[in-house]
């Protein structure tokens, strides 16, 4: 038995080593959810960095998204520990986790680098990472549009839920049913 988890990060950069402001994660059905806002100052303290371009991008986002992303008080280590504990509990309940991020070069590698930065082991198996961006951009999936966005764009949990709902819609398409064994 296995389960699929969608992960979304809010960050101050686009590559490994950037500050992570928030971690959002959910099962594809949205029944199991995780959300943690992380102290930006703590991320800087442990040696993670801001990208000027991404910081400029944040300046153009909604006030609600900015306030949410930069409001964290939880340390990086506490947030990573809480995420690891949550993922283990989900795996005990639903089976081995396959974690999905929006880009093979974004969410998962950035989160993995933060785990390494603080000397913690990432809680998913290295071969269980998956790329939602690739799935949604396969030629047969480009016409399958996501539902209307619910929540505040660029908040990690709202983004993860939106991506999970879209992915579930893709996987439920008749042409996809034979490609995946998850029984969606």
Protein backbone atom coordinates (compact mmCIF):
# COMPACT_ATOMS: atom_id res chain seq x y z
CA UNK A 1 0.00 0.00 0.00
CA UNK A 2 1.26 3.51 -0.80
CA UNK A 3 0.11 7.09 -0.73
CA UNK A 4 0.92 10.20 -2.70
CA UNK A 5 1.81 13.44 -0.91
CA UNK A 6 1.91 16.85 -2.59
CA UNK A 7 4.51 19.21 -1.12
CA UNK A 8 4.73 22.94 -1.73
CA UNK A 9 7.29 25.33 -0.33
CA UNK A 10 7.39 29.08 -0.04
CA UNK A 11 10.99 30.21 -0.33
CA UNK A 12 13.24 33.23 -0.81
CA UNK A 13 15.07 31.67 -3.74
CA UNK A 14 14.74 29.10 -6.48
CA UNK A 15 17.61 26.73 -5.76
CA UNK A 16 19.02 24.57 -3.00
CA UNK A 17 20.39 26.64 -0.14
CA UNK A 18 17.67 29.30 -0.17
CA UNK A 19 15.54 30.11 2.87
CA UNK A 20 12.34 28.13 3.25
CA UNK A 21 9.51 30.24 4.64
CA UNK A 22 6.78 27.58 4.76
CA UNK A 23 6.12 23.90 4.13
CA UNK A 24 2.69 22.77 3.00
CA UNK A 25 1.81 19.16 2.30
CA UNK A 26 -1.29 17.04 1.81
CA UNK A 27 -2.52 13.73 0.54
CA UNK A 28 -4.14 14.00 -2.88
CA UNK A 29 -7.60 13.81 -1.34
CA UNK A 30 -6.66 16.59 1.10
CA UNK A 31 -7.67 14.54 4.16
CA UNK A 32 -4.19 14.60 5.66
CA UNK A 33 -2.55 18.03 5.79
CA UNK A 34 0.60 19.63 7.14
CA UNK A 35 1.43 23.32 7.31
CA UNK A 36 4.29 25.07 9.03
CA UNK A 37 5.50 28.64 8.66
CA UNK A 38 9.22 28.96 9.43
CA UNK A 39 11.15 31.85 10.93
CA UNK A 40 12.95 33.68 8.13
CA UNK A 41 15.52 34.90 10.63
CA UNK A 42 16.25 31.35 11.79
CA UNK A 43 16.73 30.26 8.17
CA UNK A 44 19.26 33.06 7.69
CA UNK A 45 20.93 32.19 11.02
CA UNK A 46 21.64 28.61 9.91
CA UNK A 47 23.23 29.78 6.66
CA UNK A 48 20.38 29.69 4.15
CA UNK A 49 20.22 32.68 1.80
CA UNK A 50 17.81 35.02 0.04
CA UNK A 51 17.85 35.59 -3.70
CA UNK A 52 17.41 39.27 -4.65
CA UNK A 53 15.20 38.29 -7.59
CA UNK A 54 12.89 36.18 -5.44
CA UNK A 55 12.74 38.84 -2.73
CA UNK A 56 11.72 41.32 -5.44
CA UNK A 57 9.08 38.82 -6.62
CA UNK A 58 7.69 38.62 -3.06
CA UNK A 59 7.32 42.40 -3.13
CA UNK A 60 4.89 42.02 -6.04
CA UNK A 61 2.70 39.38 -4.36
CA UNK A 62 -0.45 40.06 -2.37
CA UNK A 63 -0.11 41.59 1.05
CA UNK A 64 -1.89 38.55 2.54
CA UNK A 65 0.63 36.16 0.95
CA UNK A 66 3.61 38.24 2.10
CA UNK A 67 2.29 38.61 5.64
CA UNK A 68 1.63 34.87 5.87
CA UNK A 69 4.99 33.81 4.41
CA UNK A 70 7.09 36.09 6.59
CA UNK A 71 5.15 35.61 9.85
CA UNK A 72 6.85 32.40 11.01
CA UNK A 73 8.31 31.92 14.46
CA UNK A 74 9.12 28.22 14.28
CA UNK A 75 12.78 27.26 13.95
CA UNK A 76 13.93 25.35 10.89
CA UNK A 77 14.79 22.29 12.98
CA UNK A 78 11.39 22.29 14.70
CA UNK A 79 9.57 22.62 11.38
CA UNK A 80 11.58 19.84 9.71
CA UNK A 81 11.07 17.59 12.74
CA UNK A 82 7.33 18.24 12.69
CA UNK A 83 7.16 17.50 8.95
CA UNK A 84 9.15 14.27 9.39
CA UNK A 85 6.82 13.18 12.22
CA UNK A 86 3.73 14.01 10.14
CA UNK A 87 5.02 12.09 7.11
CA UNK A 88 5.82 9.03 9.27
CA UNK A 89 2.30 9.08 10.74
CA UNK A 90 0.76 9.33 7.27
CA UNK A 91 2.91 6.40 6.10
CA UNK A 92 1.85 4.29 9.09
CA UNK A 93 -1.78 5.03 8.32
CA UNK A 94 -1.77 4.96 4.50
CA UNK A 95 1.44 3.26 3.36
CA UNK A 96 4.77 4.26 1.87
CA UNK A 97 4.79 7.89 0.72
CA UNK A 98 5.58 9.08 -2.77
CA UNK A 99 6.25 12.79 -2.48
CA UNK A 100 5.44 15.18 -5.30
CA UNK A 101 6.75 18.68 -5.83
CA UNK A 102 6.08 21.28 -8.50
CA UNK A 103 9.29 20.82 -10.42
CA UNK A 104 12.04 18.24 -10.26
CA UNK A 105 14.37 21.15 -9.58
CA UNK A 106 12.37 23.03 -6.95
CA UNK A 107 10.40 21.81 -3.92
CA UNK A 108 12.03 18.46 -3.18
CA UNK A 109 15.68 19.39 -3.85
CA UNK A 110 15.32 22.62 -1.86
CA UNK A 111 13.73 20.78 1.07
CA UNK A 112 16.34 18.03 0.88
CA UNK A 113 19.11 20.67 1.04
CA UNK A 114 17.58 22.22 4.16
CA UNK A 115 17.49 18.79 5.84
CA UNK A 116 21.17 18.35 4.93
CA UNK A 117 22.03 21.88 6.16
CA UNK A 118 20.83 21.04 9.67
CA UNK A 119 22.16 17.46 9.70
CA UNK A 120 18.78 15.74 9.52
CA UNK A 121 17.75 12.90 7.22
CA UNK A 122 14.96 13.66 4.75
CA UNK A 123 11.89 11.62 5.70
CA UNK A 124 11.14 10.18 2.26
CA UNK A 125 13.15 7.60 0.37
CA UNK A 126 15.40 9.19 -2.28
CA UNK A 127 13.73 7.20 -5.04
CA UNK A 128 10.19 8.19 -3.94
CA UNK A 129 10.34 11.78 -5.22
CA UNK A 130 8.03 12.69 -8.08
CA UNK A 131 7.47 15.74 -10.30
CA UNK A 132 3.97 17.20 -10.59
CA UNK A 133 5.14 19.79 -13.15
CA UNK A 134 6.22 17.01 -15.50
CA UNK A 135 2.93 15.13 -15.05
CA UNK A 136 0.73 18.16 -15.71
CA UNK A 137 2.74 19.13 -18.80
CA UNK A 138 2.69 15.76 -20.55
CA UNK A 139 0.98 16.31 -23.91
CA UNK A 140 -2.07 14.23 -22.96
CA UNK A 141 -2.55 16.26 -19.75
CA UNK A 142 -2.13 19.85 -20.95
CA UNK A 143 -5.86 20.22 -21.65
CA UNK A 144 -6.86 19.14 -18.14
CA UNK A 145 -7.23 22.44 -16.33
CA UNK A 146 -7.19 22.86 -12.55
CA UNK A 147 -10.26 23.97 -10.67
CA UNK A 148 -10.54 27.55 -9.47
CA UNK A 149 -7.95 28.36 -6.81
CA UNK A 150 -9.20 28.30 -3.21
CA UNK A 151 -7.28 30.16 -0.52
CA UNK A 152 -4.41 32.60 -0.81
CA UNK A 153 -2.03 32.03 -3.72
CA UNK A 154 1.58 31.58 -2.64
CA UNK A 155 0.76 30.13 0.74
CA UNK A 156 2.24 26.66 0.92
CA UNK A 157 -0.81 24.68 2.05
CA UNK A 158 -3.24 26.42 -0.33
CA UNK A 159 -0.82 25.80 -3.20
CA UNK A 160 -0.26 22.15 -2.20
CA UNK A 161 -4.02 21.52 -2.01
CA UNK A 162 -4.60 23.19 -5.38
CA UNK A 163 -1.85 21.12 -7.01
CA UNK A 164 -3.12 17.91 -5.36
CA UNK A 165 -6.68 18.48 -6.60
CA UNK A 166 -5.37 19.14 -10.11
CA UNK A 167 -3.17 16.06 -10.03
CA UNK A 168 -6.08 13.92 -8.82
CA UNK A 169 -8.19 15.29 -11.69
CA UNK A 170 -5.41 14.32 -14.13
CA UNK A 171 -5.08 10.82 -12.67
CA UNK A 172 -8.83 10.23 -12.86
CA UNK A 173 -8.91 10.90 -16.60
CA UNK A 174 -9.75 7.66 -18.43
CA UNK A 175 -6.58 7.84 -20.53
CA UNK A 176 -4.46 7.91 -17.34
CA UNK A 177 -6.04 5.03 -15.44
CA UNK A 178 -3.89 2.42 -17.14
CA UNK A 179 -0.68 4.40 -16.51
CA UNK A 180 -0.90 4.51 -12.70
CA UNK A 181 -1.49 1.74 -10.20
CA UNK A 182 -2.67 3.95 -7.33
CA UNK A 183 -6.35 3.40 -8.06
CA UNK A 184 -7.34 7.03 -8.42
